[in-house]
Amino acid sequence: MHRTQLYFDEALFDSLKARANALGVSISEYIRGLVKQDLEQNPKNKNDFSKFAGIWEDRDITLEEIREKAWR
């Protein structure tokens, strides 16, 4: 396990501590759970362009045509 240091303002830390206490876990365990949950729900990088792969596949267009239209 790795150790890290986080900084919270007082109000946020008080809320964090209260939530962890209500759940009966340490602050560290609560934060680890939140991070794990987020990573499991959002596993892909937001810059994943795979859904756009092949969108130009059936089009007969050249780079020169794109450049020509862009400079009009």
PDB file of N, CA and C in Angstrom:
ATOM      1  N   MET A   1       0.845  -1.166   0.000  1.00  0.00           N
ATOM      2  CA  MET A   1       0.000   0.000   0.000  1.00  0.00           C
ATOM      3  C   MET A   1       0.894   1.234   0.000  1.00  0.00           C
ATOM      4  N   HIS A   2       0.460   2.243  -0.748  1.00  0.00           N
ATOM      5  CA  HIS A   2       1.203   3.497  -0.821  1.00  0.00           C
ATOM      6  C   HIS A   2       0.577   4.529   0.111  1.00  0.00           C
ATOM      7  N   ARG A   3       1.383   5.424   0.557  1.00  0.00           N
ATOM      8  CA  ARG A   3       0.920   6.492   1.440  1.00  0.00           C
ATOM      9  C   ARG A   3       0.986   7.813   0.681  1.00  0.00           C
ATOM     10  N   THR A   4      -0.029   8.638   0.882  1.00  0.00           N
ATOM     11  CA  THR A   4      -0.054   9.956   0.253  1.00  0.00           C
ATOM     12  C   THR A   4      -0.605  10.964   1.241  1.00  0.00           C
ATOM     13  N   GLN A   5      -0.442  12.220   0.936  1.00  0.00           N
ATOM     14  CA  GLN A   5      -0.913  13.273   1.818  1.00  0.00           C
ATOM     15  C   GLN A   5      -1.878  14.161   1.043  1.00  0.00           C
ATOM     16  N   LEU A   6      -3.041  14.421   1.633  1.00  0.00           N
ATOM     17  CA  LEU A   6      -4.052  15.260   1.014  1.00  0.00           C
ATOM     18  C   LEU A   6      -4.340  16.446   1.926  1.00  0.00           C
ATOM     19  N   TYR A   7      -4.723  17.551   1.335  1.00  0.00           N
ATOM     20  CA  TYR A   7      -5.071  18.741   2.098  1.00  0.00           C
ATOM     21  C   TYR A   7      -6.539  19.080   1.856  1.00  0.00           C
ATOM     22  N   PHE A   8      -7.288  19.297   2.947  1.00  0.00           N
ATOM     23  CA  PHE A   8      -8.697  19.657   2.871  1.00  0.00           C
ATOM     24  C   PHE A   8      -8.926  20.920   3.682  1.00  0.00           C
ATOM     25  N   ASP A   9      -9.853  21.765   3.221  1.00  0.00           N
ATOM     26  CA  ASP A   9     -10.207  22.895   4.067  1.00  0.00           C
ATOM     27  C   ASP A   9     -11.026  22.355   5.248  1.00  0.00           C
ATOM     28  N   GLU A  10     -11.166  23.156   6.281  1.00  0.00           N
ATOM     29  CA  GLU A  10     -11.787  22.690   7.528  1.00  0.00           C
ATOM     30  C   GLU A  10     -13.208  22.164   7.328  1.00  0.00           C
ATOM     31  N   ALA A  11     -14.012  22.895   6.572  1.00  0.00           N
ATOM     32  CA  ALA A  11     -15.408  22.486   6.375  1.00  0.00           C
ATOM     33  C   ALA A  11     -15.493  21.145   5.653  1.00  0.00           C
ATOM     34  N   LEU A  12     -14.690  20.981   4.622  1.00  0.00           N
ATOM     35  CA  LEU A  12     -14.706  19.719   3.878  1.00  0.00           C
ATOM     36  C   LEU A  12     -14.206  18.574   4.749  1.00  0.00           C
ATOM     37  N   PHE A  13     -13.158  18.814   5.520  1.00  0.00           N
ATOM     38  CA  PHE A  13     -12.624  17.770   6.392  1.00  0.00           C
ATOM     39  C   PHE A  13     -13.646  17.369   7.457  1.00  0.00           C
ATOM     40  N   ASP A  14     -14.362  18.344   8.008  1.00  0.00           N
ATOM     41  CA  ASP A  14     -15.386  18.034   9.008  1.00  0.00           C
ATOM     42  C   ASP A  14     -16.486  17.162   8.406  1.00  0.00           C
ATOM     43  N   SER A  15     -16.897  17.488   7.192  1.00  0.00           N
ATOM     44  CA  SER A  15     -17.913  16.679   6.507  1.00  0.00           C
ATOM     45  C   SER A  15     -17.398  15.282   6.202  1.00  0.00           C
ATOM     46  N   LEU A  16     -16.170  15.213   5.761  1.00  0.00           N
ATOM     47  CA  LEU A  16     -15.529  13.932   5.456  1.00  0.00           C
ATOM     48  C   LEU A  16     -15.449  13.059   6.703  1.00  0.00           C
ATOM     49  N   LYS A  17     -15.012  13.641   7.796  1.00  0.00           N
ATOM     50  CA  LYS A  17     -14.882  12.915   9.056  1.00  0.00           C
ATOM     51  C   LYS A  17     -16.253  12.438   9.551  1.00  0.00           C
ATOM     52  N   ALA A  18     -17.258  13.278   9.439  1.00  0.00           N
ATOM     53  CA  ALA A  18     -18.607  12.911   9.870  1.00  0.00           C
ATOM     54  C   ALA A  18     -19.159  11.759   9.037  1.00  0.00           C
ATOM     55  N   ARG A  19     -18.942  11.803   7.727  1.00  0.00           N
ATOM     56  CA  ARG A  19     -19.440  10.730   6.854  1.00  0.00           C
ATOM     57  C   ARG A  19     -18.740   9.414   7.157  1.00  0.00           C
ATOM     58  N   ALA A  20     -17.430   9.454   7.310  1.00  0.00           N
ATOM     59  CA  ALA A  20     -16.676   8.236   7.628  1.00  0.00           C
ATOM     60  C   ALA A  20     -17.142   7.663   8.966  1.00  0.00           C
ATOM     61  N   ASN A  21     -17.329   8.527   9.972  1.00  0.00           N
ATOM     62  CA  ASN A  21     -17.808   8.066  11.279  1.00  0.00           C
ATOM     63  C   ASN A  21     -19.192   7.446  11.174  1.00  0.00           C
ATOM     64  N   ALA A  22     -20.069   8.048  10.393  1.00  0.00           N
ATOM     65  CA  ALA A  22     -21.421   7.523  10.219  1.00  0.00           C
ATOM     66  C   ALA A  22     -21.406   6.139   9.576  1.00  0.00           C
ATOM     67  N   LEU A  23     -20.435   5.921   8.720  1.00  0.00           N
ATOM     68  CA  LEU A  23     -20.309   4.614   8.050  1.00  0.00           C
ATOM     69  C   LEU A  23     -19.494   3.619   8.871  1.00  0.00           C
ATOM     70  N   GLY A  24     -18.881   4.102   9.934  1.00  0.00           N
ATOM     71  CA  GLY A  24     -18.086   3.231  10.787  1.00  0.00           C
ATOM     72  C   GLY A  24     -16.761   2.813  10.189  1.00  0.00           C
ATOM     73  N   VAL A  25     -16.192   3.688   9.365  1.00  0.00           N
ATOM     74  CA  VAL A  25     -14.895   3.398   8.747  1.00  0.00           C
ATOM     75  C   VAL A  25     -13.955   4.574   9.002  1.00  0.00           C
ATOM     76  N   SER A  26     -12.675   4.334   8.775  1.00  0.00           N
ATOM     77  CA  SER A  26     -11.702   5.414   8.911  1.00  0.00           C
ATOM     78  C   SER A  26     -11.833   6.363   7.717  1.00  0.00           C
ATOM     79  N   ILE A  27     -11.283   7.549   7.879  1.00  0.00           N
ATOM     80  CA  ILE A  27     -11.289   8.510   6.777  1.00  0.00           C
ATOM     81  C   ILE A  27     -10.540   7.935   5.581  1.00  0.00           C
ATOM     82  N   SER A  28      -9.417   7.282   5.837  1.00  0.00           N
ATOM     83  CA  SER A  28      -8.630   6.691   4.745  1.00  0.00           C
ATOM     84  C   SER A  28      -9.429   5.637   3.996  1.00  0.00           C
ATOM     85  N   GLU A  29     -10.127   4.779   4.729  1.00  0.00           N
ATOM     86  CA  GLU A  29     -10.932   3.726   4.101  1.00  0.00           C
ATOM     87  C   GLU A  29     -12.065   4.336   3.286  1.00  0.00           C
ATOM     88  N   TYR A  30     -12.672   5.376   3.821  1.00  0.00           N
ATOM     89  CA  TYR A  30     -13.753   6.047   3.104  1.00  0.00           C
ATOM     90  C   TYR A  30     -13.248   6.644   1.785  1.00  0.00           C
ATOM     91  N   ILE A  31     -12.116   7.316   1.826  1.00  0.00           N
ATOM     92  CA  ILE A  31     -11.543   7.911   0.612  1.00  0.00           C
ATOM     93  C   ILE A  31     -11.152   6.828  -0.383  1.00  0.00           C
ATOM     94  N   ARG A  32     -10.512   5.749   0.086  1.00  0.00           N
ATOM     95  CA  ARG A  32     -10.152   4.649  -0.822  1.00  0.00           C
ATOM     96  C   ARG A  32     -11.392   4.086  -1.505  1.00  0.00           C
ATOM     97  N   GLY A  33     -12.471   3.947  -0.747  1.00  0.00           N
ATOM     98  CA  GLY A  33     -13.716   3.428  -1.323  1.00  0.00           C
ATOM     99  C   GLY A  33     -14.276   4.337  -2.397  1.00  0.00           C
ATOM    100  N   LEU A  34     -14.243   5.642  -2.151  1.00  0.00           N
ATOM    101  CA  LEU A  34     -14.736   6.591  -3.147  1.00  0.00           C
ATOM    102  C   LEU A  34     -13.900   6.557  -4.422  1.00  0.00           C
ATOM    103  N   VAL A  35     -12.591   6.517  -4.257  1.00  0.00           N
ATOM    104  CA  VAL A  35     -11.703   6.488  -5.422  1.00  0.00           C
ATOM    105  C   VAL A  35     -11.908   5.192  -6.205  1.00  0.00           C
ATOM    106  N   LYS A  36     -11.991   4.082  -5.502  1.00  0.00           N
ATOM    107  CA  LYS A  36     -12.202   2.790  -6.163  1.00  0.00           C
ATOM    108  C   LYS A  36     -13.514   2.783  -6.925  1.00  0.00           C
ATOM    109  N   GLN A  37     -14.571   3.290  -6.303  1.00  0.00           N
ATOM    110  CA  GLN A  37     -15.879   3.350  -6.942  1.00  0.00           C
ATOM    111  C   GLN A  37     -15.825   4.196  -8.216  1.00  0.00           C
ATOM    112  N   ASP A  38     -15.180   5.344  -8.144  1.00  0.00           N
ATOM    113  CA  ASP A  38     -15.066   6.210  -9.312  1.00  0.00           C
ATOM    114  C   ASP A  38     -14.298   5.531 -10.436  1.00  0.00           C
ATOM    115  N   LEU A  39     -13.202   4.868 -10.101  1.00  0.00           N
ATOM    116  CA  LEU A  39     -12.400   4.205 -11.127  1.00  0.00           C
ATOM    117  C   LEU A  39     -13.141   3.039 -11.761  1.00  0.00           C
ATOM    118  N   GLU A  40     -13.961   2.345 -10.987  1.00  0.00           N
ATOM    119  CA  GLU A  40     -14.735   1.228 -11.536  1.00  0.00           C
ATOM    120  C   GLU A  40     -15.869   1.721 -12.428  1.00  0.00           C
ATOM    121  N   GLN A  41     -16.465   2.847 -12.086  1.00  0.00           N
ATOM    122  CA  GLN A  41     -17.573   3.387 -12.871  1.00  0.00           C
ATOM    123  C   GLN A  41     -17.098   4.099 -14.125  1.00  0.00           C
ATOM    124  N   ASN A  42     -15.892   4.616 -14.108  1.00  0.00           N
ATOM    125  CA  ASN A  42     -15.350   5.374 -15.235  1.00  0.00           C
ATOM    126  C   ASN A  42     -13.986   4.829 -15.632  1.00  0.00           C
ATOM    127  N   PRO A  43     -13.936   3.570 -16.093  1.00  0.00           N
ATOM    128  CA  PRO A  43     -12.636   2.960 -16.352  1.00  0.00           C
ATOM    129  C   PRO A  43     -11.895   3.501 -17.560  1.00  0.00           C
ATOM    130  N   LYS A  44     -12.618   4.019 -18.541  1.00  0.00           N
ATOM    131  CA  LYS A  44     -11.956   4.481 -19.758  1.00  0.00           C
ATOM    132  C   LYS A  44     -11.494   5.913 -19.638  1.00  0.00           C
ATOM    133  N   ASN A  45     -10.436   6.170 -20.315  1.00  0.00           N
ATOM    134  CA  ASN A  45      -9.931   7.523 -20.419  1.00  0.00           C
ATOM    135  C   ASN A  45     -10.947   8.369 -21.176  1.00  0.00           C
ATOM    136  N   LYS A  46     -11.202   9.568 -20.750  1.00  0.00           N
ATOM    137  CA  LYS A  46     -12.170  10.430 -21.418  1.00  0.00           C
ATOM    138  C   LYS A  46     -11.731  10.809 -22.826  1.00  0.00           C
ATOM    139  N   ASN A  47     -10.493  10.568 -23.177  1.00  0.00           N
ATOM    140  CA  ASN A  47      -9.992  10.850 -24.518  1.00  0.00           C
ATOM    141  C   ASN A  47     -10.023   9.620 -25.399  1.00  0.00           C
ATOM    142  N   ASP A  48     -10.930   8.700 -25.118  1.00  0.00           N
ATOM    143  CA  ASP A  48     -11.049   7.483 -25.909  1.00  0.00           C
ATOM    144  C   ASP A  48     -11.873   7.782 -27.160  1.00  0.00           C
ATOM    145  N   PHE A  49     -11.232   7.790 -28.297  1.00  0.00           N
ATOM    146  CA  PHE A  49     -11.905   8.105 -29.552  1.00  0.00           C
ATOM    147  C   PHE A  49     -12.268   6.858 -30.353  1.00  0.00           C
ATOM    148  N   SER A  50     -12.244   5.688 -29.741  1.00  0.00           N
ATOM    149  CA  SER A  50     -12.493   4.446 -30.470  1.00  0.00           C
ATOM    150  C   SER A  50     -13.893   4.396 -31.069  1.00  0.00           C
ATOM    151  N   LYS A  51     -14.866   5.079 -30.443  1.00  0.00           N
ATOM    152  CA  LYS A  51     -16.228   5.050 -30.990  1.00  0.00           C
ATOM    153  C   LYS A  51     -16.323   5.807 -32.322  1.00  0.00           C
ATOM    154  N   PHE A  52     -15.317   6.608 -32.630  1.00  0.00           N
ATOM    155  CA  PHE A  52     -15.315   7.336 -33.889  1.00  0.00           C
ATOM    156  C   PHE A  52     -14.533   6.609 -34.987  1.00  0.00           C
ATOM    157  N   ALA A  53     -13.901   5.510 -34.648  1.00  0.00           N
ATOM    158  CA  ALA A  53     -13.087   4.779 -35.618  1.00  0.00           C
ATOM    159  C   ALA A  53     -13.945   4.352 -36.805  1.00  0.00           C
ATOM    160  N   GLY A  54     -13.488   4.663 -37.982  1.00  0.00           N
ATOM    161  CA  GLY A  54     -14.164   4.230 -39.198  1.00  0.00           C
ATOM    162  C   GLY A  54     -15.277   5.134 -39.687  1.00  0.00           C
ATOM    163  N   ILE A  55     -15.489   6.288 -39.089  1.00  0.00           N
ATOM    164  CA  ILE A  55     -16.610   7.129 -39.522  1.00  0.00           C
ATOM    165  C   ILE A  55     -16.416   7.677 -40.933  1.00  0.00           C
ATOM    166  N   TRP A  56     -15.189   7.735 -41.404  1.00  0.00           N
ATOM    167  CA  TRP A  56     -14.919   8.222 -42.756  1.00  0.00           C
ATOM    168  C   TRP A  56     -14.671   7.073 -43.729  1.00  0.00           C
ATOM    169  N   GLU A  57     -14.864   5.860 -43.281  1.00  0.00           N
ATOM    170  CA  GLU A  57     -14.504   4.666 -44.047  1.00  0.00           C
ATOM    171  C   GLU A  57     -15.159   4.617 -45.432  1.00  0.00           C
ATOM    172  N   ASP A  58     -16.434   4.940 -45.535  1.00  0.00           N
ATOM    173  CA  ASP A  58     -17.148   4.806 -46.808  1.00  0.00           C
ATOM    174  C   ASP A  58     -17.201   6.094 -47.617  1.00  0.00           C
ATOM    175  N   ARG A  59     -16.447   7.085 -47.203  1.00  0.00           N
ATOM    176  CA  ARG A  59     -16.470   8.360 -47.915  1.00  0.00           C
ATOM    177  C   ARG A  59     -15.247   8.501 -48.807  1.00  0.00           C
ATOM    178  N   ASP A  60     -15.502   9.029 -49.984  1.00  0.00           N
ATOM    179  CA  ASP A  60     -14.423   9.247 -50.937  1.00  0.00           C
ATOM    180  C   ASP A  60     -13.964  10.693 -50.795  1.00  0.00           C
ATOM    181  N   ILE A  61     -13.040  10.912 -49.876  1.00  0.00           N
ATOM    182  CA  ILE A  61     -12.560  12.268 -49.598  1.00  0.00           C
ATOM    183  C   ILE A  61     -11.052  12.211 -49.359  1.00  0.00           C
ATOM    184  N   THR A  62     -10.377  13.237 -49.814  1.00  0.00           N
ATOM    185  CA  THR A  62      -8.921  13.287 -49.652  1.00  0.00           C
ATOM    186  C   THR A  62      -8.548  14.403 -48.693  1.00  0.00           C
ATOM    187  N   LEU A  63      -7.347  14.348 -48.195  1.00  0.00           N
ATOM    188  CA  LEU A  63      -6.843  15.384 -47.308  1.00  0.00           C
ATOM    189  C   LEU A  63      -6.818  16.742 -48.020  1.00  0.00           C
ATOM    190  N   GLU A  64      -6.520  16.736 -49.293  1.00  0.00           N
ATOM    191  CA  GLU A  64      -6.494  17.987 -50.059  1.00  0.00           C
ATOM    192  C   GLU A  64      -7.889  18.612 -50.112  1.00  0.00           C
ATOM    193  N   GLU A  65      -8.936  17.787 -50.264  1.00  0.00           N
ATOM    194  CA  GLU A  65     -10.300  18.311 -50.293  1.00  0.00           C
ATOM    195  C   GLU A  65     -10.677  18.929 -48.946  1.00  0.00           C
ATOM    196  N   ILE A  66     -10.270  18.296 -47.888  1.00  0.00           N
ATOM    197  CA  ILE A  66     -10.556  18.818 -46.548  1.00  0.00           C
ATOM    198  C   ILE A  66      -9.873  20.162 -46.360  1.00  0.00           C
ATOM    199  N   ARG A  67      -8.605  20.250 -46.747  1.00  0.00           N
ATOM    200  CA  ARG A  67      -7.861  21.500 -46.616  1.00  0.00           C
ATOM    201  C   ARG A  67      -8.485  22.603 -47.464  1.00  0.00           C
ATOM    202  N   GLU A  68      -8.892  22.247 -48.689  1.00  0.00           N
ATOM    203  CA  GLU A  68      -9.478  23.223 -49.590  1.00  0.00           C
ATOM    204  C   GLU A  68     -10.770  23.800 -48.996  1.00  0.00           C
ATOM    205  N   LYS A  69     -11.610  22.956 -48.432  1.00  0.00           N
ATOM    206  CA  LYS A  69     -12.883  23.417 -47.841  1.00  0.00           C
ATOM    207  C   LYS A  69     -12.621  24.226 -46.559  1.00  0.00           C
ATOM    208  N   ALA A  70     -11.579  23.882 -45.838  1.00  0.00           N
ATOM    209  CA  ALA A  70     -11.286  24.575 -44.587  1.00  0.00           C
ATOM    210  C   ALA A  70     -10.829  26.008 -44.817  1.00  0.00           C
ATOM    211  N   TRP A  71     -10.217  26.288 -45.944  1.00  0.00           N
ATOM    212  CA  TRP A  71      -9.678  27.621 -46.197  1.00  0.00           C
ATOM    213  C   TRP A  71     -10.626  28.504 -46.991  1.00  0.00           C
ATOM    214  N   ARG A  72     -11.848  28.081 -47.183  1.00  0.00           N
ATOM    215  CA  ARG A  72     -12.826  28.917 -47.920  1.00  0.00           C
ATOM    216  C   ARG A  72     -13.387  29.976 -47.053  1.00  0.00           C
TER     217      ARG A  72
END
